[in-house]
Amino acid sequence: MLPLGLAVVRRYAAERAQLERSGRKKSDFDLMIACTAIEHEATLVTRDGALKDGAIGGLVVEDWLDSAP
Protein backbone atom coordinates (compact mmCIF):
# COMPACT_ATOMS: atom_id res chain seq x y z
CA MET A 1 0.00 0.00 0.00
CA LEU A 2 1.39 3.40 -0.97
CA PRO A 3 0.50 6.67 0.75
CA LEU A 4 -1.98 9.04 -0.83
CA GLY A 5 -0.39 12.44 -0.30
CA LEU A 6 -0.83 15.94 -1.64
CA ALA A 7 1.37 15.25 -4.67
CA VAL A 8 -0.88 12.35 -5.70
CA VAL A 9 -4.02 14.45 -5.27
CA ARG A 10 -2.54 17.29 -7.34
CA ARG A 11 -1.51 14.86 -10.07
CA TYR A 12 -5.02 13.39 -10.00
CA ALA A 13 -6.59 16.84 -10.50
CA ALA A 14 -4.28 17.67 -13.40
CA GLU A 15 -4.78 14.29 -15.10
CA ARG A 16 -8.56 14.39 -14.60
CA ALA A 17 -8.72 17.84 -16.23
CA GLN A 18 -6.50 16.76 -19.13
CA LEU A 19 -8.50 13.60 -19.76
CA GLU A 20 -11.79 15.48 -19.68
CA ARG A 21 -10.45 18.09 -22.14
CA SER A 22 -9.45 15.31 -24.51
CA GLY A 23 -12.79 13.50 -24.11
CA ARG A 24 -11.25 10.44 -22.45
CA LYS A 25 -12.76 9.47 -19.13
CA LYS A 26 -11.40 7.18 -16.44
CA SER A 27 -13.08 6.02 -13.26
CA ASP A 28 -12.06 7.90 -10.12
CA PHE A 29 -10.50 4.76 -8.65
CA ASP A 30 -8.53 3.89 -11.80
CA LEU A 31 -7.19 7.41 -12.05
CA MET A 32 -6.26 7.62 -8.36
CA ILE A 33 -4.41 4.29 -8.60
CA ALA A 34 -2.60 5.48 -11.73
CA CYS A 35 -1.60 8.81 -10.18
CA THR A 36 -0.34 7.06 -7.05
CA ALA A 37 1.87 4.80 -9.19
CA ILE A 38 3.21 7.76 -11.17
CA GLU A 39 4.04 9.84 -8.10
CA HIS A 40 5.82 6.90 -6.46
CA GLU A 41 7.66 6.07 -9.72
CA ALA A 42 6.16 2.59 -9.59
CA THR A 43 5.17 0.22 -12.37
CA LEU A 44 1.47 -0.63 -12.22
CA VAL A 45 0.74 -4.31 -12.80
CA THR A 46 -2.82 -4.70 -14.07
CA ARG A 47 -5.08 -6.34 -16.63
CA ASP A 48 -7.38 -3.29 -16.64
CA GLY A 49 -7.64 -2.18 -20.25
CA ALA A 50 -8.66 1.31 -19.19
CA LEU A 51 -5.25 1.75 -17.59
CA LYS A 52 -3.32 0.05 -20.39
CA ASP A 53 -4.58 2.33 -23.18
CA GLY A 54 -1.78 4.93 -22.90
CA ALA A 55 -4.10 7.83 -22.09
CA ILE A 56 -2.38 8.66 -18.80
CA GLY A 57 1.00 10.26 -19.43
CA GLY A 58 3.90 8.91 -17.41
CA LEU A 59 2.10 5.75 -16.32
CA VAL A 60 4.20 2.61 -16.71
CA VAL A 61 1.97 -0.46 -16.96
CA GLU A 62 2.69 -4.16 -17.18
CA ASP A 63 0.27 -7.02 -17.65
CA TRP A 64 2.09 -10.11 -16.50
CA LEU A 65 -0.56 -12.40 -17.96
CA ASP A 66 -0.14 -10.97 -21.49
CA SER A 67 3.47 -12.10 -21.55
CA ALA A 68 2.72 -15.66 -20.41
CA PRO A 69 4.13 -18.37 -22.71
C-alpha atoms as a PDB file:
ATOM      1  CA  MET A   1       0.000   0.000   0.000  1.00  0.00           C
ATOM      2  CA  LEU A   2       1.390   3.397  -0.967  1.00  0.00           C
ATOM      3  CA  PRO A   3       0.499   6.673   0.745  1.00  0.00           C
ATOM      4  CA  LEU A   4      -1.984   9.044  -0.833  1.00  0.00           C
ATOM      5  CA  GLY A   5      -0.388  12.439  -0.300  1.00  0.00           C
ATOM      6  CA  LEU A   6      -0.829  15.944  -1.638  1.00  0.00           C
ATOM      7  CA  ALA A   7       1.375  15.252  -4.675  1.00  0.00           C
ATOM      8  CA  VAL A   8      -0.882  12.354  -5.703  1.00  0.00           C
ATOM      9  CA  VAL A   9      -4.021  14.454  -5.275  1.00  0.00           C
ATOM     10  CA  ARG A  10      -2.542  17.290  -7.341  1.00  0.00           C
ATOM     11  CA  ARG A  11      -1.505  14.863 -10.069  1.00  0.00           C
ATOM     12  CA  TYR A  12      -5.020  13.389 -10.005  1.00  0.00           C
ATOM     13  CA  ALA A  13      -6.587  16.839 -10.500  1.00  0.00           C
ATOM     14  CA  ALA A  14      -4.283  17.668 -13.400  1.00  0.00           C
ATOM     15  CA  GLU A  15      -4.775  14.286 -15.095  1.00  0.00           C
ATOM     16  CA  ARG A  16      -8.559  14.388 -14.603  1.00  0.00           C
ATOM     17  CA  ALA A  17      -8.715  17.840 -16.234  1.00  0.00           C
ATOM     18  CA  GLN A  18      -6.496  16.756 -19.134  1.00  0.00           C
ATOM     19  CA  LEU A  19      -8.499  13.597 -19.763  1.00  0.00           C
ATOM     20  CA  GLU A  20     -11.791  15.485 -19.679  1.00  0.00           C
ATOM     21  CA  ARG A  21     -10.449  18.085 -22.137  1.00  0.00           C
ATOM     22  CA  SER A  22      -9.448  15.309 -24.510  1.00  0.00           C
ATOM     23  CA  GLY A  23     -12.787  13.501 -24.113  1.00  0.00           C
ATOM     24  CA  ARG A  24     -11.254  10.441 -22.453  1.00  0.00           C
ATOM     25  CA  LYS A  25     -12.763   9.467 -19.131  1.00  0.00           C
ATOM     26  CA  LYS A  26     -11.403   7.184 -16.442  1.00  0.00           C
ATOM     27  CA  SER A  27     -13.076   6.015 -13.263  1.00  0.00           C
ATOM     28  CA  ASP A  28     -12.055   7.898 -10.121  1.00  0.00           C
ATOM     29  CA  PHE A  29     -10.501   4.757  -8.648  1.00  0.00           C
ATOM     30  CA  ASP A  30      -8.530   3.893 -11.797  1.00  0.00           C
ATOM     31  CA  LEU A  31      -7.186   7.413 -12.048  1.00  0.00           C
ATOM     32  CA  MET A  32      -6.257   7.616  -8.362  1.00  0.00           C
ATOM     33  CA  ILE A  33      -4.409   4.292  -8.600  1.00  0.00           C
ATOM     34  CA  ALA A  34      -2.596   5.477 -11.728  1.00  0.00           C
ATOM     35  CA  CYS A  35      -1.597   8.805 -10.176  1.00  0.00           C
ATOM     36  CA  THR A  36      -0.338   7.059  -7.055  1.00  0.00           C
ATOM     37  CA  ALA A  37       1.867   4.804  -9.194  1.00  0.00           C
ATOM     38  CA  ILE A  38       3.212   7.764 -11.171  1.00  0.00           C
ATOM     39  CA  GLU A  39       4.039   9.839  -8.100  1.00  0.00           C
ATOM     40  CA  HIS A  40       5.823   6.897  -6.463  1.00  0.00           C
ATOM     41  CA  GLU A  41       7.664   6.066  -9.718  1.00  0.00           C
ATOM     42  CA  ALA A  42       6.156   2.594  -9.589  1.00  0.00           C
ATOM     43  CA  THR A  43       5.167   0.225 -12.367  1.00  0.00           C
ATOM     44  CA  LEU A  44       1.473  -0.631 -12.219  1.00  0.00           C
ATOM     45  CA  VAL A  45       0.739  -4.312 -12.803  1.00  0.00           C
ATOM     46  CA  THR A  46      -2.824  -4.697 -14.066  1.00  0.00           C
ATOM     47  CA  ARG A  47      -5.081  -6.344 -16.629  1.00  0.00           C
ATOM     48  CA  ASP A  48      -7.376  -3.294 -16.643  1.00  0.00           C
ATOM     49  CA  GLY A  49      -7.639  -2.185 -20.253  1.00  0.00           C
ATOM     50  CA  ALA A  50      -8.664   1.307 -19.194  1.00  0.00           C
ATOM     51  CA  LEU A  51      -5.253   1.754 -17.590  1.00  0.00           C
ATOM     52  CA  LYS A  52      -3.318   0.054 -20.385  1.00  0.00           C
ATOM     53  CA  ASP A  53      -4.579   2.327 -23.179  1.00  0.00           C
ATOM     54  CA  GLY A  54      -1.782   4.932 -22.895  1.00  0.00           C
ATOM     55  CA  ALA A  55      -4.099   7.835 -22.094  1.00  0.00           C
ATOM     56  CA  ILE A  56      -2.382   8.658 -18.797  1.00  0.00           C
ATOM     57  CA  GLY A  57       0.997  10.256 -19.433  1.00  0.00           C
ATOM     58  CA  GLY A  58       3.902   8.911 -17.415  1.00  0.00           C
ATOM     59  CA  LEU A  59       2.099   5.755 -16.324  1.00  0.00           C
ATOM     60  CA  VAL A  60       4.201   2.609 -16.707  1.00  0.00           C
ATOM     61  CA  VAL A  61       1.971  -0.456 -16.962  1.00  0.00           C
ATOM     62  CA  GLU A  62       2.691  -4.164 -17.177  1.00  0.00           C
ATOM     63  CA  ASP A  63       0.266  -7.017 -17.648  1.00  0.00           C
ATOM     64  CA  TRP A  64       2.090 -10.113 -16.500  1.00  0.00           C
ATOM     65  CA  LEU A  65      -0.565 -12.402 -17.965  1.00  0.00           C
ATOM     66  CA  ASP A  66      -0.141 -10.970 -21.487  1.00  0.00           C
ATOM     67  CA  SER A  67       3.465 -12.096 -21.548  1.00  0.00           C
ATOM     68  CA  ALA A  68       2.716 -15.664 -20.407  1.00  0.00           C
ATOM     69  CA  PRO A  69       4.130 -18.367 -22.715  1.00  0.00           C
END
